Amino acid sequence: MKRAFVQFVALIYLSYIKKQMEVKGLLKNYTLPGLLDKLDVIECFEQPGKSHRVGEILDKQEQLYYDLGVVATYLVMSRREYRVRGSSLNLSAR
């Protein structure tokens, strides 16, 4: 039963990603697996007692996240080395 629920939730996420790809015109350049592969190479390092550290995020990867409607401020903050969590980011300049 738990496995079926996890698969159901994964299907919801995949449907959202595919819809955003259609809306933003990303299907011209990427397949769903291809887009996920581009984002899968980002690494997150975890040390006990310390905050997570995100590996290098390329501008293209950041743009893909933005196009998908994902505003993960910790990713952007880590990339640009912002120190204050929760600060608002102005992404409208893109």
C-alpha atoms as a PDB file:
ATOM      1  CA  MET A   1       0.000   0.000   0.000  1.00  0.00           C
ATOM      2  CA  LYS A   2       2.805   2.430   0.862  1.00  0.00           C
ATOM      3  CA  ARG A   3       4.521   1.776  -2.466  1.00  0.00           C
ATOM      4  CA  ALA A   4       1.342   2.561  -4.397  1.00  0.00           C
ATOM      5  CA  PHE A   5       0.998   5.869  -2.540  1.00  0.00           C
ATOM      6  CA  VAL A   6       4.601   6.829  -3.290  1.00  0.00           C
ATOM      7  CA  GLN A   7       4.074   5.990  -6.977  1.00  0.00           C
ATOM      8  CA  PHE A   8       0.896   8.085  -6.977  1.00  0.00           C
ATOM      9  CA  VAL A   9       2.704  11.095  -5.496  1.00  0.00           C
ATOM     10  CA  ALA A  10       5.558  10.653  -8.005  1.00  0.00           C
ATOM     11  CA  LEU A  11       3.009  10.646 -10.836  1.00  0.00           C
ATOM     12  CA  ILE A  12       1.594  13.955  -9.572  1.00  0.00           C
ATOM     13  CA  TYR A  13       5.086  15.510  -9.600  1.00  0.00           C
ATOM     14  CA  LEU A  14       5.851  14.173 -13.080  1.00  0.00           C
ATOM     15  CA  SER A  15       2.534  15.515 -14.374  1.00  0.00           C
ATOM     16  CA  TYR A  16       3.324  18.957 -12.957  1.00  0.00           C
ATOM     17  CA  ILE A  17       6.805  18.957 -14.473  1.00  0.00           C
ATOM     18  CA  LYS A  18       5.499  17.896 -17.887  1.00  0.00           C
ATOM     19  CA  LYS A  19       2.778  20.570 -17.795  1.00  0.00           C
ATOM     20  CA  GLN A  20       5.341  23.256 -16.933  1.00  0.00           C
ATOM     21  CA  MET A  21       7.546  22.005 -19.762  1.00  0.00           C
ATOM     22  CA  GLU A  22       4.625  22.443 -22.166  1.00  0.00           C
ATOM     23  CA  VAL A  23       3.765  25.910 -20.844  1.00  0.00           C
ATOM     24  CA  LYS A  24       7.372  27.166 -20.990  1.00  0.00           C
ATOM     25  CA  GLY A  25       8.168  25.541 -24.348  1.00  0.00           C
ATOM     26  CA  LEU A  26      10.853  23.282 -22.925  1.00  0.00           C
ATOM     27  CA  LEU A  27       9.584  20.265 -24.863  1.00  0.00           C
ATOM     28  CA  LYS A  28      11.242  21.715 -27.983  1.00  0.00           C
ATOM     29  CA  ASN A  29      14.668  21.167 -26.451  1.00  0.00           C
ATOM     30  CA  TYR A  30      14.207  18.473 -23.800  1.00  0.00           C
ATOM     31  CA  THR A  31      12.423  15.226 -23.150  1.00  0.00           C
ATOM     32  CA  LEU A  32      11.125  14.678 -19.617  1.00  0.00           C
ATOM     33  CA  PRO A  33      13.918  12.182 -18.781  1.00  0.00           C
ATOM     34  CA  GLY A  34      16.489  14.471 -20.432  1.00  0.00           C
ATOM     35  CA  LEU A  35      15.409  17.456 -18.353  1.00  0.00           C
ATOM     36  CA  LEU A  36      15.471  15.416 -15.156  1.00  0.00           C
ATOM     37  CA  ASP A  37      18.986  14.210 -16.056  1.00  0.00           C
ATOM     38  CA  LYS A  38      20.146  17.837 -16.394  1.00  0.00           C
ATOM     39  CA  LEU A  39      18.879  18.582 -12.873  1.00  0.00           C
ATOM     40  CA  ASP A  40      19.964  15.280 -11.327  1.00  0.00           C
ATOM     41  CA  VAL A  41      23.666  16.146 -11.354  1.00  0.00           C
ATOM     42  CA  ILE A  42      23.274  18.801  -8.651  1.00  0.00           C
ATOM     43  CA  GLU A  43      24.652  17.419  -5.409  1.00  0.00           C
ATOM     44  CA  CYS A  44      23.647  18.187  -1.848  1.00  0.00           C
ATOM     45  CA  PHE A  45      26.104  17.563   0.958  1.00  0.00           C
ATOM     46  CA  GLU A  46      24.953  16.975   4.506  1.00  0.00           C
ATOM     47  CA  GLN A  47      27.060  17.074   7.659  1.00  0.00           C
ATOM     48  CA  PRO A  48      25.666  16.418  11.121  1.00  0.00           C
ATOM     49  CA  GLY A  49      25.149  19.651  13.019  1.00  0.00           C
ATOM     50  CA  LYS A  50      25.608  21.845   9.959  1.00  0.00           C
ATOM     51  CA  SER A  51      23.274  23.178   7.297  1.00  0.00           C
ATOM     52  CA  HIS A  52      23.047  21.465   3.915  1.00  0.00           C
ATOM     53  CA  ARG A  53      25.534  22.552   1.294  1.00  0.00           C
ATOM     54  CA  VAL A  54      24.463  22.467  -2.340  1.00  0.00           C
ATOM     55  CA  GLY A  55      27.057  21.779  -5.014  1.00  0.00           C
ATOM     56  CA  GLU A  56      27.613  23.975  -8.050  1.00  0.00           C
ATOM     57  CA  ILE A  57      24.493  24.990  -9.958  1.00  0.00           C
ATOM     58  CA  LEU A  58      25.034  26.130 -13.510  1.00  0.00           C
ATOM     59  CA  ASP A  59      23.130  29.095 -14.923  1.00  0.00           C
ATOM     60  CA  LYS A  60      21.307  26.752 -17.311  1.00  0.00           C
ATOM     61  CA  GLN A  61      20.171  24.547 -14.420  1.00  0.00           C
ATOM     62  CA  GLU A  62      19.016  27.569 -12.437  1.00  0.00           C
ATOM     63  CA  GLN A  63      17.052  28.758 -15.477  1.00  0.00           C
ATOM     64  CA  LEU A  64      15.424  25.332 -15.828  1.00  0.00           C
ATOM     65  CA  TYR A  65      14.302  25.427 -12.201  1.00  0.00           C
ATOM     66  CA  TYR A  66      12.943  28.933 -12.708  1.00  0.00           C
ATOM     67  CA  ASP A  67      11.096  27.878 -15.888  1.00  0.00           C
ATOM     68  CA  LEU A  68       9.557  24.955 -14.018  1.00  0.00           C
ATOM     69  CA  GLY A  69       8.239  27.340 -11.374  1.00  0.00           C
ATOM     70  CA  VAL A  70      10.570  26.088  -8.661  1.00  0.00           C
ATOM     71  CA  VAL A  71      11.894  28.938  -6.565  1.00  0.00           C
ATOM     72  CA  ALA A  72      14.192  27.160  -4.173  1.00  0.00           C
ATOM     73  CA  THR A  73      15.785  30.101  -2.440  1.00  0.00           C
ATOM     74  CA  TYR A  74      18.361  27.915  -0.732  1.00  0.00           C
ATOM     75  CA  LEU A  75      19.642  26.853  -4.172  1.00  0.00           C
ATOM     76  CA  VAL A  76      19.879  30.407  -5.417  1.00  0.00           C
ATOM     77  CA  MET A  77      21.291  31.647  -2.113  1.00  0.00           C
ATOM     78  CA  SER A  78      23.915  28.921  -2.091  1.00  0.00           C
ATOM     79  CA  ARG A  79      24.934  29.730  -5.649  1.00  0.00           C
ATOM     80  CA  ARG A  80      25.233  33.448  -5.033  1.00  0.00           C
ATOM     81  CA  GLU A  81      26.398  32.960  -1.457  1.00  0.00           C
ATOM     82  CA  TYR A  82      23.623  34.873   0.254  1.00  0.00           C
ATOM     83  CA  ARG A  83      23.928  34.500   3.994  1.00  0.00           C
ATOM     84  CA  VAL A  84      20.452  35.479   5.156  1.00  0.00           C
ATOM     85  CA  ARG A  85      17.872  32.716   4.807  1.00  0.00           C
ATOM     86  CA  GLY A  86      14.395  33.687   3.756  1.00  0.00           C
ATOM     87  CA  SER A  87      15.389  36.902   2.012  1.00  0.00           C
ATOM     88  CA  SER A  88      13.168  37.707  -0.921  1.00  0.00           C
ATOM     89  CA  LEU A  89      14.728  37.352  -4.345  1.00  0.00           C
ATOM     90  CA  ASN A  90      13.694  39.419  -7.329  1.00  0.00           C
ATOM     91  CA  LEU A  91      13.595  36.928 -10.183  1.00  0.00           C
ATOM     92  CA  SER A  92      11.482  39.158 -12.404  1.00  0.00           C
ATOM     93  CA  ALA A  93      14.621  40.564 -14.034  1.00  0.00           C
ATOM     94  CA  ARG A  94      15.111  37.340 -16.006  1.00  0.00           C
END
